[in-house]
Amino acid sequence: MFKQVHELKNKMAKMQEIMEKITVTAEAGGGLVKVTATGNQRISNIELDPEIVDTDDMEMLHDLIVAGVNKALEKAAEAGGNELRTHAESLLPNFSDPSDTGS
Protein backbone atom coordinates (compact mmCIF):
# COMPACT_ATOMS: atom_id res chain seq x y z
CA MET A 1 0.00 0.00 0.00
CA PHE A 2 2.78 2.44 0.95
CA LYS A 3 4.63 1.55 -2.24
CA GLN A 4 1.55 2.48 -4.31
CA VAL A 5 1.18 5.77 -2.45
CA HIS A 6 4.85 6.55 -3.03
CA GLU A 7 4.54 5.71 -6.75
CA LEU A 8 1.46 7.92 -7.05
CA LYS A 9 3.28 10.80 -5.34
CA ASN A 10 6.17 10.42 -7.80
CA LYS A 11 3.79 10.38 -10.76
CA MET A 12 1.96 13.45 -9.46
CA ALA A 13 5.28 15.29 -9.03
CA LYS A 14 6.17 14.41 -12.61
CA MET A 15 2.79 15.69 -13.76
CA GLN A 16 3.42 18.99 -11.94
CA GLU A 17 6.69 19.32 -13.85
CA ILE A 18 4.87 18.71 -17.12
CA MET A 19 2.20 21.28 -16.22
CA GLU A 20 4.86 23.90 -15.45
CA LYS A 21 6.35 23.42 -18.93
CA ILE A 22 3.03 24.07 -20.70
CA THR A 23 2.69 27.73 -21.65
CA VAL A 24 -0.17 29.56 -23.31
CA THR A 25 -0.51 33.19 -24.31
CA ALA A 26 -3.76 35.13 -24.54
CA GLU A 27 -4.39 38.61 -25.87
CA ALA A 28 -6.81 41.37 -24.95
CA GLY A 29 -7.52 44.66 -26.65
CA GLY A 30 -6.56 43.34 -30.06
CA GLY A 31 -3.11 42.31 -28.89
CA LEU A 32 -2.36 45.40 -26.82
CA VAL A 33 -2.12 43.20 -23.72
CA LYS A 34 -0.51 39.75 -23.90
CA VAL A 35 -0.51 37.44 -20.91
CA THR A 36 1.40 34.17 -20.68
CA ALA A 37 0.41 31.47 -18.18
CA THR A 38 1.67 27.99 -17.35
CA GLY A 39 -0.36 24.79 -17.30
CA ASN A 40 -0.57 25.02 -13.54
CA GLN A 41 -2.28 28.40 -13.94
CA ARG A 42 0.53 30.71 -12.92
CA ILE A 43 1.08 33.96 -14.78
CA SER A 44 4.64 34.01 -16.12
CA ASN A 45 4.59 37.19 -18.22
CA ILE A 46 2.50 40.24 -19.07
CA GLU A 47 3.36 42.41 -22.08
CA LEU A 48 1.77 45.83 -22.56
CA ASP A 49 1.92 47.73 -25.81
CA PRO A 50 3.26 51.20 -24.87
CA GLU A 51 0.40 52.67 -26.90
CA ILE A 52 -2.12 51.75 -24.18
CA VAL A 53 -0.25 53.21 -21.22
CA ASP A 54 -2.29 56.35 -20.66
CA THR A 55 -2.11 57.64 -17.10
CA ASP A 56 -5.36 59.51 -17.73
CA ASP A 57 -7.20 56.25 -18.45
CA MET A 58 -5.81 53.70 -16.00
CA GLU A 59 -9.23 52.06 -15.68
CA MET A 60 -9.08 50.88 -19.29
CA LEU A 61 -5.57 49.53 -18.76
CA HIS A 62 -6.69 47.65 -15.65
CA ASP A 63 -9.67 46.19 -17.53
CA LEU A 64 -7.46 45.00 -20.38
CA ILE A 65 -4.99 43.41 -17.98
CA VAL A 66 -7.77 41.61 -16.12
CA ALA A 67 -9.29 40.42 -19.42
CA GLY A 68 -5.91 39.17 -20.62
CA VAL A 69 -5.18 37.36 -17.36
CA ASN A 70 -8.60 35.71 -17.34
CA LYS A 71 -8.22 34.55 -20.95
CA ALA A 72 -4.72 33.20 -20.26
CA LEU A 73 -5.90 31.30 -17.18
CA GLU A 74 -8.81 29.80 -19.13
CA LYS A 75 -6.43 28.67 -21.88
CA ALA A 76 -3.99 27.31 -19.28
CA ALA A 77 -6.74 25.34 -17.55
CA GLU A 78 -7.85 23.89 -20.88
CA ALA A 79 -4.30 22.98 -21.94
CA GLY A 80 -3.53 21.53 -18.52
CA GLY A 81 -6.74 19.52 -18.52
CA ASN A 82 -5.94 18.13 -21.94
CA GLU A 83 -2.47 17.15 -20.77
CA LEU A 84 -3.86 15.52 -17.63
CA ARG A 85 -6.33 13.48 -19.67
CA THR A 86 -3.50 12.40 -21.95
CA HIS A 87 -1.47 11.13 -19.00
CA ALA A 88 -4.33 9.99 -16.74
CA GLU A 89 -3.94 6.31 -17.51
CA SER A 90 -0.27 6.28 -16.59
CA LEU A 91 -1.01 8.17 -13.37
CA LEU A 92 -4.08 6.22 -12.37
CA PRO A 93 -4.34 2.85 -14.11
CA ASN A 94 -8.06 2.49 -13.28
CA PHE A 95 -8.92 6.00 -14.49
CA SER A 96 -11.96 6.36 -16.70
CA ASP A 97 -12.89 9.63 -18.35
CA PRO A 98 -16.32 10.71 -17.05
CA SER A 99 -17.13 12.15 -20.48
CA ASP A 100 -16.57 8.71 -22.03
CA THR A 101 -19.98 7.08 -22.27
CA GLY A 102 -18.47 3.76 -23.27
CA SER A 103 -20.08 3.63 -26.70
PDB file of N, CA and C in Angstrom:
ATOM      1  N   MET A   1       0.833  -1.192   0.000  1.00  0.00           N
ATOM      2  CA  MET A   1       0.000   0.000   0.000  1.00  0.00           C
ATOM      3  C   MET A   1       0.883   1.265   0.000  1.00  0.00           C
ATOM      4  N   PHE A   2       1.893   1.276   0.877  1.00  0.00           N
ATOM      5  CA  PHE A   2       2.783   2.436   0.951  1.00  0.00           C
ATOM      6  C   PHE A   2       3.559   2.617  -0.350  1.00  0.00           C
ATOM      7  N   LYS A   3       3.912   1.488  -0.980  1.00  0.00           N
ATOM      8  CA  LYS A   3       4.626   1.554  -2.242  1.00  0.00           C
ATOM      9  C   LYS A   3       3.755   2.224  -3.303  1.00  0.00           C
ATOM     10  N   GLN A   4       2.467   1.888  -3.337  1.00  0.00           N
ATOM     11  CA  GLN A   4       1.549   2.482  -4.307  1.00  0.00           C
ATOM     12  C   GLN A   4       1.384   3.983  -4.055  1.00  0.00           C
ATOM     13  N   VAL A   5       1.297   4.360  -2.800  1.00  0.00           N
ATOM     14  CA  VAL A   5       1.177   5.772  -2.452  1.00  0.00           C
ATOM     15  C   VAL A   5       2.427   6.522  -2.885  1.00  0.00           C
ATOM     16  N   HIS A   6       3.581   5.939  -2.635  1.00  0.00           N
ATOM     17  CA  HIS A   6       4.849   6.555  -3.030  1.00  0.00           C
ATOM     18  C   HIS A   6       4.931   6.692  -4.553  1.00  0.00           C
ATOM     19  N   GLU A   7       4.533   5.657  -5.285  1.00  0.00           N
ATOM     20  CA  GLU A   7       4.538   5.710  -6.747  1.00  0.00           C
ATOM     21  C   GLU A   7       3.594   6.804  -7.255  1.00  0.00           C
ATOM     22  N   LEU A   8       2.424   6.898  -6.645  1.00  0.00           N
ATOM     23  CA  LEU A   8       1.455   7.916  -7.045  1.00  0.00           C
ATOM     24  C   LEU A   8       2.004   9.314  -6.773  1.00  0.00           C
ATOM     25  N   LYS A   9       2.671   9.502  -5.643  1.00  0.00           N
ATOM     26  CA  LYS A   9       3.276  10.799  -5.341  1.00  0.00           C
ATOM     27  C   LYS A   9       4.335  11.159  -6.370  1.00  0.00           C
ATOM     28  N   ASN A  10       5.143  10.175  -6.774  1.00  0.00           N
ATOM     29  CA  ASN A  10       6.168  10.422  -7.797  1.00  0.00           C
ATOM     30  C   ASN A  10       5.534  10.782  -9.133  1.00  0.00           C
ATOM     31  N   LYS A  11       4.472  10.088  -9.507  1.00  0.00           N
ATOM     32  CA  LYS A  11       3.785  10.379 -10.756  1.00  0.00           C
ATOM     33  C   LYS A  11       3.139  11.761 -10.723  1.00  0.00           C
ATOM     34  N   MET A  12       2.579  12.129  -9.587  1.00  0.00           N
ATOM     35  CA  MET A  12       1.956  13.452  -9.455  1.00  0.00           C
ATOM     36  C   MET A  12       3.020  14.546  -9.531  1.00  0.00           C
ATOM     37  N   ALA A  13       4.187  14.313  -8.951  1.00  0.00           N
ATOM     38  CA  ALA A  13       5.277  15.288  -9.025  1.00  0.00           C
ATOM     39  C   ALA A  13       5.726  15.447 -10.474  1.00  0.00           C
ATOM     40  N   LYS A  14       5.792  14.342 -11.198  1.00  0.00           N
ATOM     41  CA  LYS A  14       6.173  14.408 -12.609  1.00  0.00           C
ATOM     42  C   LYS A  14       5.117  15.187 -13.390  1.00  0.00           C
ATOM     43  N   MET A  15       3.854  14.974 -13.074  1.00  0.00           N
ATOM     44  CA  MET A  15       2.785  15.686 -13.760  1.00  0.00           C
ATOM     45  C   MET A  15       2.887  17.186 -13.489  1.00  0.00           C
ATOM     46  N   GLN A  16       3.230  17.564 -12.267  1.00  0.00           N
ATOM     47  CA  GLN A  16       3.424  18.985 -11.935  1.00  0.00           C
ATOM     48  C   GLN A  16       4.519  19.592 -12.804  1.00  0.00           C
ATOM     49  N   GLU A  17       5.602  18.842 -12.994  1.00  0.00           N
ATOM     50  CA  GLU A  17       6.695  19.319 -13.848  1.00  0.00           C
ATOM     51  C   GLU A  17       6.213  19.524 -15.279  1.00  0.00           C
ATOM     52  N   ILE A  18       5.417  18.588 -15.766  1.00  0.00           N
ATOM     53  CA  ILE A  18       4.872  18.707 -17.122  1.00  0.00           C
ATOM     54  C   ILE A  18       3.979  19.939 -17.218  1.00  0.00           C
ATOM     55  N   MET A  19       3.134  20.151 -16.214  1.00  0.00           N
ATOM     56  CA  MET A  19       2.204  21.284 -16.223  1.00  0.00           C
ATOM     57  C   MET A  19       2.955  22.615 -16.209  1.00  0.00           C
ATOM     58  N   GLU A  20       4.079  22.669 -15.503  1.00  0.00           N
ATOM     59  CA  GLU A  20       4.864  23.896 -15.447  1.00  0.00           C
ATOM     60  C   GLU A  20       5.491  24.229 -16.797  1.00  0.00           C
ATOM     61  N   LYS A  21       5.727  23.202 -17.624  1.00  0.00           N
ATOM     62  CA  LYS A  21       6.346  23.419 -18.927  1.00  0.00           C
ATOM     63  C   LYS A  21       5.346  23.868 -19.995  1.00  0.00           C
ATOM     64  N   ILE A  22       4.057  23.639 -19.754  1.00  0.00           N
ATOM     65  CA  ILE A  22       3.028  24.070 -20.702  1.00  0.00           C
ATOM     66  C   ILE A  22       2.894  25.580 -20.572  1.00  0.00           C
ATOM     67  N   THR A  23       2.929  26.291 -21.692  1.00  0.00           N
ATOM     68  CA  THR A  23       2.690  27.729 -21.655  1.00  0.00           C
ATOM     69  C   THR A  23       1.679  28.095 -22.725  1.00  0.00           C
ATOM     70  N   VAL A  24       0.811  29.028 -22.376  1.00  0.00           N
ATOM     71  CA  VAL A  24      -0.169  29.562 -23.312  1.00  0.00           C
ATOM     72  C   VAL A  24      -0.124  31.079 -23.211  1.00  0.00           C
ATOM     73  N   THR A  25      -0.453  31.740 -24.311  1.00  0.00           N
ATOM     74  CA  THR A  25      -0.512  33.192 -24.312  1.00  0.00           C
ATOM     75  C   THR A  25      -1.876  33.615 -24.823  1.00  0.00           C
ATOM     76  N   ALA A  26      -2.470  34.573 -24.130  1.00  0.00           N
ATOM     77  CA  ALA A  26      -3.765  35.130 -24.535  1.00  0.00           C
ATOM     78  C   ALA A  26      -3.607  36.628 -24.712  1.00  0.00           C
ATOM     79  N   GLU A  27      -4.456  37.174 -25.582  1.00  0.00           N
ATOM     80  CA  GLU A  27      -4.394  38.606 -25.866  1.00  0.00           C
ATOM     81  C   GLU A  27      -5.716  39.267 -25.504  1.00  0.00           C
ATOM     82  N   ALA A  28      -5.629  40.545 -25.174  1.00  0.00           N
ATOM     83  CA  ALA A  28      -6.814  41.372 -24.949  1.00  0.00           C
ATOM     84  C   ALA A  28      -6.576  42.703 -25.646  1.00  0.00           C
ATOM     85  N   GLY A  29      -7.655  43.359 -25.999  1.00  0.00           N
ATOM     86  CA  GLY A  29      -7.524  44.658 -26.654  1.00  0.00           C
ATOM     87  C   GLY A  29      -6.854  44.556 -28.002  1.00  0.00           C
ATOM     88  N   GLY A  30      -7.154  43.486 -28.737  1.00  0.00           N
ATOM     89  CA  GLY A  30      -6.564  43.336 -30.058  1.00  0.00           C
ATOM     90  C   GLY A  30      -5.059  43.155 -30.038  1.00  0.00           C
ATOM     91  N   GLY A  31      -4.542  42.564 -28.978  1.00  0.00           N
ATOM     92  CA  GLY A  31      -3.107  42.310 -28.891  1.00  0.00           C
ATOM     93  C   GLY A  31      -2.339  43.369 -28.125  1.00  0.00           C
ATOM     94  N   LEU A  32      -3.048  44.361 -27.585  1.00  0.00           N
ATOM     95  CA  LEU A  32      -2.364  45.405 -26.819  1.00  0.00           C
ATOM     96  C   LEU A  32      -1.862  44.885 -25.467  1.00  0.00           C
ATOM     97  N   VAL A  33      -2.541  43.860 -24.967  1.00  0.00           N
ATOM     98  CA  VAL A  33      -2.119  43.203 -23.724  1.00  0.00           C
ATOM     99  C   VAL A  33      -1.948  41.726 -24.039  1.00  0.00           C
ATOM    100  N   LYS A  34      -0.783  41.171 -23.705  1.00  0.00           N
ATOM    101  CA  LYS A  34      -0.508  39.754 -23.901  1.00  0.00           C
ATOM    102  C   LYS A  34      -0.106  39.163 -22.562  1.00  0.00           C
ATOM    103  N   VAL A  35      -0.774  38.074 -22.194  1.00  0.00           N
ATOM    104  CA  VAL A  35      -0.512  37.438 -20.910  1.00  0.00           C
ATOM    105  C   VAL A  35      -0.144  35.982 -21.161  1.00  0.00           C
ATOM    106  N   THR A  36       0.950  35.549 -20.560  1.00  0.00           N
ATOM    107  CA  THR A  36       1.399  34.166 -20.678  1.00  0.00           C
ATOM    108  C   THR A  36       1.209  33.477 -19.328  1.00  0.00           C
ATOM    109  N   ALA A  37       0.653  32.259 -19.391  1.00  0.00           N
ATOM    110  CA  ALA A  37       0.411  31.473 -18.181  1.00  0.00           C
ATOM    111  C   ALA A  37       0.934  30.062 -18.399  1.00  0.00           C
ATOM    112  N   THR A  38       1.215  29.379 -17.288  1.00  0.00           N
ATOM    113  CA  THR A  38       1.668  27.995 -17.352  1.00  0.00           C
ATOM    114  C   THR A  38       0.472  27.070 -17.177  1.00  0.00           C
ATOM    115  N   GLY A  39       0.689  25.787 -17.449  1.00  0.00           N
ATOM    116  CA  GLY A  39      -0.361  24.788 -17.302  1.00  0.00           C
ATOM    117  C   GLY A  39      -0.875  24.643 -15.891  1.00  0.00           C
ATOM    118  N   ASN A  40      -0.080  25.058 -14.923  1.00  0.00           N
ATOM    119  CA  ASN A  40      -0.565  25.017 -13.539  1.00  0.00           C
ATOM    120  C   ASN A  40      -1.145  26.368 -13.116  1.00  0.00           C
ATOM    121  N   GLN A  41      -1.533  27.145 -14.106  1.00  0.00           N
ATOM    122  CA  GLN A  41      -2.276  28.396 -13.945  1.00  0.00           C
ATOM    123  C   GLN A  41      -1.533  29.453 -13.132  1.00  0.00           C
ATOM    124  N   ARG A  42      -0.286  29.641 -13.489  1.00  0.00           N
ATOM    125  CA  ARG A  42       0.534  30.710 -12.923  1.00  0.00           C
ATOM    126  C   ARG A  42       0.878  31.670 -14.043  1.00  0.00           C
ATOM    127  N   ILE A  43       0.741  32.958 -13.788  1.00  0.00           N
ATOM    128  CA  ILE A  43       1.079  33.963 -14.781  1.00  0.00           C
ATOM    129  C   ILE A  43       2.604  34.081 -14.818  1.00  0.00           C
ATOM    130  N   SER A  44       3.183  33.924 -16.010  1.00  0.00           N
ATOM    131  CA  SER A  44       4.637  34.009 -16.118  1.00  0.00           C
ATOM    132  C   SER A  44       5.099  35.292 -16.811  1.00  0.00           C
ATOM    133  N   ASN A  45       4.186  35.961 -17.545  1.00  0.00           N
ATOM    134  CA  ASN A  45       4.590  37.191 -18.216  1.00  0.00           C
ATOM    135  C   ASN A  45       3.361  38.008 -18.612  1.00  0.00           C
ATOM    136  N   ILE A  46       3.509  39.321 -18.565  1.00  0.00           N
ATOM    137  CA  ILE A  46       2.502  40.244 -19.072  1.00  0.00           C
ATOM    138  C   ILE A  46       3.225  41.268 -19.925  1.00  0.00           C
ATOM    139  N   GLU A  47       2.777  41.411 -21.178  1.00  0.00           N
ATOM    140  CA  GLU A  47       3.356  42.405 -22.082  1.00  0.00           C
ATOM    141  C   GLU A  47       2.292  43.460 -22.384  1.00  0.00           C
ATOM    142  N   LEU A  48       2.676  44.719 -22.256  1.00  0.00           N
ATOM    143  CA  LEU A  48       1.773  45.826 -22.558  1.00  0.00           C
ATOM    144  C   LEU A  48       2.335  46.623 -23.720  1.00  0.00           C
ATOM    145  N   ASP A  49       1.514  46.868 -24.707  1.00  0.00           N
ATOM    146  CA  ASP A  49       1.918  47.733 -25.811  1.00  0.00           C
ATOM    147  C   ASP A  49       1.998  49.150 -25.241  1.00  0.00           C
ATOM    148  N   PRO A  50       3.109  49.841 -25.432  1.00  0.00           N
ATOM    149  CA  PRO A  50       3.262  51.196 -24.871  1.00  0.00           C
ATOM    150  C   PRO A  50       2.132  52.145 -25.286  1.00  0.00           C
ATOM    151  N   GLU A  51       1.492  51.843 -26.397  1.00  0.00           N
ATOM    152  CA  GLU A  51       0.398  52.669 -26.899  1.00  0.00           C
ATOM    153  C   GLU A  51      -0.774  52.765 -25.910  1.00  0.00           C
ATOM    154  N   ILE A  52      -0.965  51.727 -25.073  1.00  0.00           N
ATOM    155  CA  ILE A  52      -2.125  51.748 -24.179  1.00  0.00           C
ATOM    156  C   ILE A  52      -1.828  52.340 -22.808  1.00  0.00           C
ATOM    157  N   VAL A  53      -0.589  52.658 -22.531  1.00  0.00           N
ATOM    158  CA  VAL A  53      -0.252  53.213 -21.218  1.00  0.00           C
ATOM    159  C   VAL A  53      -0.584  54.704 -21.221  1.00  0.00           C
ATOM    160  N   ASP A  54      -1.781  54.979 -20.742  1.00  0.00           N
ATOM    161  CA  ASP A  54      -2.293  56.349 -20.663  1.00  0.00           C
ATOM    162  C   ASP A  54      -2.659  56.605 -19.211  1.00  0.00           C
ATOM    163  N   THR A  55      -1.865  57.397 -18.528  1.00  0.00           N
ATOM    164  CA  THR A  55      -2.112  57.639 -17.105  1.00  0.00           C
ATOM    165  C   THR A  55      -3.448  58.320 -16.853  1.00  0.00           C
ATOM    166  N   ASP A  56      -4.045  58.900 -17.888  1.00  0.00           N
ATOM    167  CA  ASP A  56      -5.361  59.514 -17.727  1.00  0.00           C
ATOM    168  C   ASP A  56      -6.492  58.496 -17.855  1.00  0.00           C
ATOM    169  N   ASP A  57      -6.174  57.273 -18.297  1.00  0.00           N
ATOM    170  CA  ASP A  57      -7.197  56.246 -18.453  1.00  0.00           C
ATOM    171  C   ASP A  57      -6.693  54.909 -17.912  1.00  0.00           C
ATOM    172  N   MET A  58      -6.324  54.915 -16.641  1.00  0.00           N
ATOM    173  CA  MET A  58      -5.808  53.703 -16.005  1.00  0.00           C
ATOM    174  C   MET A  58      -6.895  52.635 -15.888  1.00  0.00           C
ATOM    175  N   GLU A  59      -8.144  53.031 -15.803  1.00  0.00           N
ATOM    176  CA  GLU A  59      -9.233  52.062 -15.681  1.00  0.00           C
ATOM    177  C   GLU A  59      -9.272  51.136 -16.899  1.00  0.00           C
ATOM    178  N   MET A  60      -9.100  51.696 -18.094  1.00  0.00           N
ATOM    179  CA  MET A  60      -9.081  50.878 -19.294  1.00  0.00           C
ATOM    180  C   MET A  60      -7.900  49.909 -19.269  1.00  0.00           C
ATOM    181  N   LEU A  61      -6.751  50.382 -18.850  1.00  0.00           N
ATOM    182  CA  LEU A  61      -5.565  49.529 -18.758  1.00  0.00           C
ATOM    183  C   LEU A  61      -5.813  48.376 -17.790  1.00  0.00           C
ATOM    184  N   HIS A  62      -6.384  48.697 -16.638  1.00  0.00           N
ATOM    185  CA  HIS A  62      -6.688  47.654 -15.650  1.00  0.00           C
ATOM    186  C   HIS A  62      -7.650  46.629 -16.240  1.00  0.00           C
ATOM    187  N   ASP A  63      -8.697  47.102 -16.935  1.00  0.00           N
ATOM    188  CA  ASP A  63      -9.672  46.194 -17.533  1.00  0.00           C
ATOM    189  C   ASP A  63      -9.027  45.274 -18.557  1.00  0.00           C
ATOM    190  N   LEU A  64      -8.134  45.822 -19.379  1.00  0.00           N
ATOM    191  CA  LEU A  64      -7.459  45.000 -20.383  1.00  0.00           C
ATOM    192  C   LEU A  64      -6.543  43.967 -19.738  1.00  0.00           C
ATOM    193  N   ILE A  65      -5.870  44.354 -18.676  1.00  0.00           N
ATOM    194  CA  ILE A  65      -4.988  43.407 -17.983  1.00  0.00           C
ATOM    195  C   ILE A  65      -5.816  42.279 -17.373  1.00  0.00           C
ATOM    196  N   VAL A  66      -6.908  42.631 -16.717  1.00  0.00           N
ATOM    197  CA  VAL A  66      -7.771  41.610 -16.116  1.00  0.00           C
ATOM    198  C   VAL A  66      -8.312  40.679 -17.201  1.00  0.00           C
ATOM    199  N   ALA A  67      -8.764  41.245 -18.319  1.00  0.00           N
ATOM    200  CA  ALA A  67      -9.288  40.423 -19.415  1.00  0.00           C
ATOM    201  C   ALA A  67      -8.213  39.486 -19.953  1.00  0.00           C
ATOM    202  N   GLY A  68      -7.014  40.000 -20.129  1.00  0.00           N
ATOM    203  CA  GLY A  68      -5.914  39.169 -20.624  1.00  0.00           C
ATOM    204  C   GLY A  68      -5.557  38.056 -19.658  1.00  0.00           C
ATOM    205  N   VAL A  69      -5.508  38.376 -18.377  1.00  0.00           N
ATOM    206  CA  VAL A  69      -5.184  37.364 -17.363  1.00  0.00           C
ATOM    207  C   VAL A  69      -6.264  36.285 -17.342  1.00  0.00           C
ATOM    208  N   ASN A  70      -7.516  36.691 -17.364  1.00  0.00           N
ATOM    209  CA  ASN A  70      -8.598  35.709 -17.337  1.00  0.00           C
ATOM    210  C   ASN A  70      -8.565  34.801 -18.563  1.00  0.00           C
ATOM    211  N   LYS A  71      -8.310  35.364 -19.736  1.00  0.00           N
ATOM    212  CA  LYS A  71      -8.216  34.549 -20.951  1.00  0.00           C
ATOM    213  C   LYS A  71      -7.041  33.581 -20.859  1.00  0.00           C
ATOM    214  N   ALA A  72      -5.907  34.058 -20.370  1.00  0.00           N
ATOM    215  CA  ALA A  72      -4.722  33.198 -20.260  1.00  0.00           C
ATOM    216  C   ALA A  72      -4.975  32.056 -19.278  1.00  0.00           C
ATOM    217  N   LEU A  73      -5.622  32.351 -18.155  1.00  0.00           N
ATOM    218  CA  LEU A  73      -5.897  31.301 -17.179  1.00  0.00           C
ATOM    219  C   LEU A  73      -6.888  30.283 -17.724  1.00  0.00           C
ATOM    220  N   GLU A  74      -7.865  30.732 -18.499  1.00  0.00           N
ATOM    221  CA  GLU A  74      -8.805  29.799 -19.130  1.00  0.00           C
ATOM    222  C   GLU A  74      -8.067  28.882 -20.101  1.00  0.00           C
ATOM    223  N   LYS A  75      -7.199  29.471 -20.920  1.00  0.00           N
ATOM    224  CA  LYS A  75      -6.432  28.670 -21.876  1.00  0.00           C
ATOM    225  C   LYS A  75      -5.500  27.711 -21.152  1.00  0.00           C
ATOM    226  N   ALA A  76      -4.892  28.164 -20.051  1.00  0.00           N
ATOM    227  CA  ALA A  76      -3.986  27.308 -19.284  1.00  0.00           C
ATOM    228  C   ALA A  76      -4.741  26.141 -18.667  1.00  0.00           C
ATOM    229  N   ALA A  77      -5.928  26.410 -18.145  1.00  0.00           N
ATOM    230  CA  ALA A  77      -6.739  25.338 -17.555  1.00  0.00           C
ATOM    231  C   ALA A  77      -7.118  24.314 -18.620  1.00  0.00           C
ATOM    232  N   GLU A  78      -7.482  24.798 -19.787  1.00  0.00           N
ATOM    233  CA  GLU A  78      -7.846  23.887 -20.876  1.00  0.00           C
ATOM    234  C   GLU A  78      -6.644  23.056 -21.317  1.00  0.00           C
ATOM    235  N   ALA A  79      -5.510  23.700 -21.520  1.00  0.00           N
ATOM    236  CA  ALA A  79      -4.303  22.983 -21.938  1.00  0.00           C
ATOM    237  C   ALA A  79      -3.858  21.996 -20.871  1.00  0.00           C
ATOM    238  N   GLY A  80      -3.921  22.418 -19.622  1.00  0.00           N
ATOM    239  CA  GLY A  80      -3.534  21.532 -18.524  1.00  0.00           C
ATOM    240  C   GLY A  80      -4.473  20.345 -18.410  1.00  0.00           C
ATOM    241  N   GLY A  81      -5.768  20.611 -18.566  1.00  0.00           N
ATOM    242  CA  GLY A  81      -6.744  19.523 -18.516  1.00  0.00           C
ATOM    243  C   GLY A  81      -6.524  18.522 -19.631  1.00  0.00           C
ATOM    244  N   ASN A  82      -6.228  19.021 -20.821  1.00  0.00           N
ATOM    245  CA  ASN A  82      -5.943  18.129 -21.942  1.00  0.00           C
ATOM    246  C   ASN A  82      -4.722  17.276 -21.654  1.00  0.00           C
ATOM    247  N   GLU A  83      -3.703  17.886 -21.089  1.00  0.00           N
ATOM    248  CA  GLU A  83      -2.470  17.151 -20.775  1.00  0.00           C
ATOM    249  C   GLU A  83      -2.739  16.105 -19.692  1.00  0.00           C
ATOM    250  N   LEU A  84      -3.528  16.475 -18.688  1.00  0.00           N
ATOM    251  CA  LEU A  84      -3.861  15.518 -17.629  1.00  0.00           C
ATOM    252  C   LEU A  84      -4.616  14.322 -18.189  1.00  0.00           C
ATOM    253  N   ARG A  85      -5.584  14.579 -19.075  1.00  0.00           N
ATOM    254  CA  ARG A  85      -6.331  13.476 -19.674  1.00  0.00           C
ATOM    255  C   ARG A  85      -5.400  12.568 -20.479  1.00  0.00           C
ATOM    256  N   THR A  86      -4.445  13.175 -21.155  1.00  0.00           N
ATOM    257  CA  THR A  86      -3.497  12.403 -21.951  1.00  0.00           C
ATOM    258  C   THR A  86      -2.686  11.454 -21.071  1.00  0.00           C
ATOM    259  N   HIS A  87      -2.329  11.919 -19.882  1.00  0.00           N
ATOM    260  CA  HIS A  87      -1.465  11.126 -18.996  1.00  0.00           C
ATOM    261  C   HIS A  87      -2.234  10.432 -17.879  1.00  0.00           C
ATOM    262  N   ALA A  88      -3.543  10.531 -17.856  1.00  0.00           N
ATOM    263  CA  ALA A  88      -4.326   9.991 -16.743  1.00  0.00           C
ATOM    264  C   ALA A  88      -4.128   8.495 -16.560  1.00  0.00           C
ATOM    265  N   GLU A  89      -4.088   7.760 -17.639  1.00  0.00           N
ATOM    266  CA  GLU A  89      -3.944   6.313 -17.507  1.00  0.00           C
ATOM    267  C   GLU A  89      -2.620   5.913 -16.882  1.00  0.00           C
ATOM    268  N   SER A  90      -1.556   6.638 -17.188  1.00  0.00           N
ATOM    269  CA  SER A  90      -0.274   6.284 -16.587  1.00  0.00           C
ATOM    270  C   SER A  90      -0.222   6.694 -15.118  1.00  0.00           C
ATOM    271  N   LEU A  91      -0.975   7.755 -14.772  1.00  0.00           N
ATOM    272  CA  LEU A  91      -1.009   8.173 -13.366  1.00  0.00           C
ATOM    273  C   LEU A  91      -1.909   7.266 -12.543  1.00  0.00           C
ATOM    274  N   LEU A  92      -3.088   7.011 -13.081  1.00  0.00           N
ATOM    275  CA  LEU A  92      -4.083   6.222 -12.368  1.00  0.00           C
ATOM    276  C   LEU A  92      -4.564   5.113 -13.298  1.00  0.00           C
ATOM    277  N   PRO A  93      -4.022   3.921 -13.162  1.00  0.00           N
ATOM    278  CA  PRO A  93      -4.336   2.853 -14.107  1.00  0.00           C
ATOM    279  C   PRO A  93      -5.824   2.548 -14.248  1.00  0.00           C
ATOM    280  N   ASN A  94      -6.623   2.783 -13.222  1.00  0.00           N
ATOM    281  CA  ASN A  94      -8.057   2.494 -13.284  1.00  0.00           C
ATOM    282  C   ASN A  94      -8.883   3.715 -13.628  1.00  0.00           C
ATOM    283  N   PHE A  95      -8.233   4.762 -14.145  1.00  0.00           N
ATOM    284  CA  PHE A  95      -8.918   6.004 -14.494  1.00  0.00           C
ATOM    285  C   PHE A  95      -9.864   5.785 -15.660  1.00  0.00           C
ATOM    286  N   SER A  96     -11.059   6.340 -15.556  1.00  0.00           N
ATOM    287  CA  SER A  96     -11.959   6.362 -16.703  1.00  0.00           C
ATOM    288  C   SER A  96     -12.461   7.784 -16.841  1.00  0.00           C
ATOM    289  N   ASP A  97     -12.457   8.264 -18.054  1.00  0.00           N
ATOM    290  CA  ASP A  97     -12.891   9.625 -18.354  1.00  0.00           C
ATOM    291  C   ASP A  97     -14.396   9.709 -18.174  1.00  0.00           C
ATOM    292  N   PRO A  98     -14.893  10.609 -17.278  1.00  0.00           N
ATOM    293  CA  PRO A  98     -16.322  10.714 -17.051  1.00  0.00           C
ATOM    294  C   PRO A  98     -17.096  11.138 -18.295  1.00  0.00           C
ATOM    295  N   SER A  99     -16.435  11.746 -19.258  1.00  0.00           N
ATOM    296  CA  SER A  99     -17.126  12.147 -20.478  1.00  0.00           C
ATOM    297  C   SER A  99     -17.235  10.989 -21.456  1.00  0.00           C
ATOM    298  N   ASP A 100     -16.527   9.885 -21.168  1.00  0.00           N
ATOM    299  CA  ASP A 100     -16.568   8.713 -22.034  1.00  0.00           C
ATOM    300  C   ASP A 100     -17.794   7.895 -21.653  1.00  0.00           C
ATOM    301  N   THR A 101     -18.738   7.800 -22.558  1.00  0.00           N
ATOM    302  CA  THR A 101     -19.976   7.080 -22.273  1.00  0.00           C
ATOM    303  C   THR A 101     -19.867   5.592 -22.558  1.00  0.00           C
ATOM    304  N   GLY A 102     -18.706   5.174 -23.029  1.00  0.00           N
ATOM    305  CA  GLY A 102     -18.467   3.763 -23.267  1.00  0.00           C
ATOM    306  C   GLY A 102     -19.075   3.241 -24.550  1.00  0.00           C
ATOM    307  N   SER A 103     -19.503   4.119 -25.446  1.00  0.00           N
ATOM    308  CA  SER A 103     -20.082   3.629 -26.696  1.00  0.00           C
ATOM    309  C   SER A 103     -19.050   3.388 -27.747  1.00  0.00           C
TER     310      SER A 103
END
